Amino acid sequence: MFIDYYELLEVSPNANSETIERIFRYFAMRYHPDNRETGDESRFSNIVEAHNTLRDPVKRAQYDVRYKDHLGHRRELAEEASDPKSVERDVEIQAKVLSFLYVKRRQDVHNPGIGDEEIERLSGCPREHLEFHLWYLKAKGLIGRIENGMFAITVDGVDHVNSEHRREVSVTRLLDHAG
């Protein structure tokens, strides 16, 4: 797991070595395990590690490469979280996966499974994204792995698909009557 040493020491990534040294001494006294009021061994250990990395020019340069990657990932996360269509796309993919598994179960109740690669192809969703959807649907009890390792829809999954279909039909009928 990446630890943001700049955030931990509450300094700017542009902080010079004197500032890092001064802040380190302050936090080291504050969180040293011998300090009865504010001592925190774990935090002290992290502060020492941050100090040792940021005070050494070579280690700091290597750390800064990882830090920039971390910032890029945080920026991507923020952008995706602020995209309202992101959740809509997730709901669509999950509905697609459930639909494939629903139809497969209906077509052959004794052989209802679809493998990971086939789900990936059918959904058009790359494996790294599909893992989230399969985890979610499995955790909700809507799908599960069967004896041969393939995914299949559960009874709760069938009920979910049926209830969504009834809701869509009701909305369509309301819209038809409104026109």
Protein backbone atom coordinates (compact mmCIF):
# COMPACT_ATOMS: atom_id res chain seq x y z
CA MET A 1 0.00 0.00 0.00
CA PHE A 2 1.29 3.44 -0.90
CA ILE A 3 1.87 5.85 1.99
CA ASP A 4 1.89 9.55 1.15
CA TYR A 5 4.95 10.71 3.09
CA TYR A 6 4.28 14.35 2.27
CA GLU A 7 0.80 14.12 3.71
CA LEU A 8 2.07 12.16 6.71
CA LEU A 9 4.64 14.87 7.50
CA GLU A 10 2.19 17.61 6.47
CA VAL A 11 4.67 19.20 4.07
CA SER A 12 4.57 20.18 0.43
CA PRO A 13 6.23 17.89 -2.12
CA ASN A 14 8.39 20.97 -2.82
CA ALA A 15 9.57 21.23 0.81
CA ASN A 16 13.31 21.61 1.22
CA SER A 17 15.43 19.35 3.44
CA GLU A 18 15.53 21.87 6.33
CA THR A 19 11.72 22.01 6.47
CA ILE A 20 11.46 18.22 6.37
CA GLU A 21 14.04 17.93 9.16
CA ARG A 22 12.25 20.52 11.35
CA ILE A 23 8.83 18.90 10.87
CA PHE A 24 10.29 15.44 11.47
CA ARG A 25 11.78 16.52 14.81
CA TYR A 26 8.44 18.00 15.88
CA PHE A 27 6.48 14.84 14.98
CA ALA A 28 9.19 12.52 16.32
CA MET A 29 8.94 14.14 19.77
CA ARG A 30 5.15 14.17 19.61
CA TYR A 31 4.67 10.52 18.59
CA HIS A 32 7.74 8.89 20.16
CA PRO A 33 6.60 5.82 22.13
CA ASP A 34 8.20 7.26 25.29
CA ASN A 35 5.85 10.25 25.16
CA ARG A 36 3.14 9.27 27.66
CA GLU A 37 0.54 11.75 26.40
CA THR A 38 0.76 11.51 22.61
CA GLY A 39 3.08 8.57 21.91
CA ASP A 40 2.05 6.31 19.04
CA GLU A 41 4.54 3.62 18.04
CA SER A 42 2.96 2.88 14.66
CA ARG A 43 2.73 6.54 13.64
CA PHE A 44 6.27 7.16 14.91
CA SER A 45 7.56 4.28 12.80
CA ASN A 46 5.84 5.68 9.68
CA ILE A 47 7.25 9.15 10.38
CA VAL A 48 10.79 7.77 10.71
CA GLU A 49 10.36 5.85 7.44
CA ALA A 50 9.05 9.00 5.70
CA HIS A 51 11.94 11.07 7.06
CA ASN A 52 14.57 8.51 6.05
CA THR A 53 13.17 8.40 2.52
CA LEU A 54 12.66 12.13 1.98
CA ARG A 55 16.00 13.27 3.43
CA ASP A 56 18.03 11.05 1.09
CA PRO A 57 18.12 12.64 -2.41
CA VAL A 58 18.27 9.29 -4.26
CA LYS A 59 15.50 7.67 -2.21
CA ARG A 60 13.41 10.83 -2.50
CA ALA A 61 13.76 10.89 -6.29
CA GLN A 62 12.68 7.23 -6.46
CA TYR A 63 9.80 7.93 -4.08
CA ASP A 64 8.71 10.97 -6.12
CA VAL A 65 8.27 8.76 -9.20
CA ARG A 66 5.88 6.53 -7.23
CA TYR A 67 4.23 9.63 -5.70
CA LYS A 68 3.45 11.06 -9.16
CA ASP A 69 1.93 7.71 -10.20
CA HIS A 70 -0.15 7.78 -7.02
CA LEU A 71 -1.37 11.31 -7.81
CA GLY A 72 -2.33 10.17 -11.30
CA HIS A 73 -4.38 7.31 -9.87
CA ARG A 74 -6.07 9.68 -7.40
CA ARG A 75 -6.90 12.07 -10.24
CA GLU A 76 -8.37 9.22 -12.32
CA LEU A 77 -10.42 8.11 -9.32
CA ALA A 78 -11.76 11.64 -8.79
CA GLU A 79 -12.63 12.02 -12.47
CA GLU A 80 -14.44 8.71 -12.63
CA ALA A 81 -16.28 9.39 -9.37
CA SER A 82 -17.52 12.72 -10.72
CA ASP A 83 -18.80 11.16 -13.97
CA PRO A 84 -22.54 10.54 -13.48
CA LYS A 85 -22.61 8.12 -16.41
CA SER A 86 -20.09 5.84 -14.68
CA VAL A 87 -22.68 4.33 -12.35
CA GLU A 88 -25.21 4.08 -15.20
CA ARG A 89 -22.69 2.06 -17.25
CA ASP A 90 -22.08 -0.21 -14.26
CA VAL A 91 -25.80 -0.85 -13.85
CA GLU A 92 -26.07 -1.66 -17.57
CA ILE A 93 -23.17 -4.13 -17.44
CA GLN A 94 -24.60 -5.85 -14.37
CA ALA A 95 -28.01 -6.09 -16.04
CA LYS A 96 -26.36 -7.56 -19.16
CA VAL A 97 -24.48 -10.18 -17.16
CA LEU A 98 -27.66 -11.15 -15.32
CA SER A 99 -29.56 -11.33 -18.61
CA PHE A 100 -26.98 -13.66 -20.20
CA LEU A 101 -27.02 -15.92 -17.16
CA TYR A 102 -30.84 -15.78 -16.96
CA VAL A 103 -31.22 -16.86 -20.59
CA LYS A 104 -28.56 -19.58 -20.22
CA ARG A 105 -30.33 -20.99 -17.15
CA ARG A 106 -33.69 -20.86 -18.94
CA GLN A 107 -32.29 -22.58 -22.03
CA ASP A 108 -30.58 -25.38 -20.12
CA VAL A 109 -31.50 -25.60 -16.46
CA HIS A 110 -29.09 -28.53 -15.93
CA ASN A 111 -26.13 -26.79 -17.57
CA PRO A 112 -26.62 -23.11 -16.63
CA GLY A 113 -23.03 -21.93 -16.41
CA ILE A 114 -21.07 -19.43 -18.44
CA GLY A 115 -17.29 -19.09 -18.04
CA ASP A 116 -15.42 -15.90 -17.19
CA GLU A 117 -14.02 -15.42 -20.70
CA GLU A 118 -17.42 -15.92 -22.34
CA ILE A 119 -19.01 -13.39 -19.95
CA GLU A 120 -16.21 -10.99 -20.85
CA ARG A 121 -16.92 -11.44 -24.59
CA LEU A 122 -20.70 -11.24 -24.25
CA SER A 123 -20.66 -8.16 -22.02
CA GLY A 124 -17.96 -6.32 -23.93
CA CYS A 125 -16.45 -5.45 -20.58
CA PRO A 126 -12.71 -5.95 -20.01
CA ARG A 127 -11.75 -8.49 -17.35
CA GLU A 128 -10.29 -5.89 -14.97
CA HIS A 129 -13.65 -4.08 -14.88
CA LEU A 130 -15.76 -7.22 -15.06
CA GLU A 131 -14.21 -8.51 -11.83
CA PHE A 132 -15.99 -5.72 -9.91
CA HIS A 133 -19.37 -6.59 -11.41
CA LEU A 134 -18.97 -10.32 -10.82
CA TRP A 135 -17.86 -9.64 -7.23
CA TYR A 136 -20.89 -7.40 -6.64
CA LEU A 137 -23.46 -9.76 -8.20
CA LYS A 138 -21.97 -12.69 -6.31
CA ALA A 139 -21.91 -10.79 -3.00
CA LYS A 140 -25.58 -9.85 -3.49
CA GLY A 141 -26.40 -13.52 -4.03
CA LEU A 142 -27.65 -12.92 -7.57
CA ILE A 143 -25.02 -15.17 -9.19
CA GLY A 144 -22.71 -17.88 -7.96
CA ARG A 145 -20.07 -20.32 -9.12
CA ILE A 146 -21.34 -23.82 -9.83
CA GLU A 147 -19.47 -27.13 -9.51
CA ASN A 148 -17.57 -26.73 -12.79
CA GLY A 149 -16.32 -23.23 -11.84
CA MET A 150 -18.62 -21.35 -14.19
CA PHE A 151 -21.01 -18.59 -13.16
CA ALA A 152 -24.75 -19.18 -13.04
CA ILE A 153 -27.70 -17.09 -11.98
CA THR A 154 -29.31 -17.95 -8.63
CA VAL A 155 -33.00 -18.03 -7.72
CA ASP A 156 -32.58 -14.55 -6.20
CA GLY A 157 -30.97 -13.46 -9.46
CA VAL A 158 -33.93 -14.74 -11.47
CA ASP A 159 -36.31 -12.92 -9.11
CA HIS A 160 -34.25 -9.74 -9.52
CA VAL A 161 -34.33 -9.94 -13.34
CA ASN A 162 -38.08 -10.62 -13.27
CA SER A 163 -38.78 -7.68 -10.91
CA GLU A 164 -36.68 -5.33 -13.06
CA HIS A 165 -38.57 -6.49 -16.16
CA ARG A 166 -41.95 -5.90 -14.45
CA ARG A 167 -40.81 -2.41 -13.40
CA GLU A 168 -39.69 -1.56 -16.97
CA VAL A 169 -43.01 -2.83 -18.40
CA SER A 170 -44.93 -0.68 -15.89
CA VAL A 171 -42.93 2.43 -16.77
CA THR A 172 -43.44 1.76 -20.50
CA ARG A 173 -47.21 1.38 -20.00
CA LEU A 174 -47.32 4.64 -18.01
CA LEU A 175 -45.45 6.43 -20.78
CA ASP A 176 -47.77 4.95 -23.42
CA HIS A 177 -50.86 6.21 -21.55
CA ALA A 178 -49.35 9.65 -21.01
CA GLY A 179 -48.98 10.24 -24.79
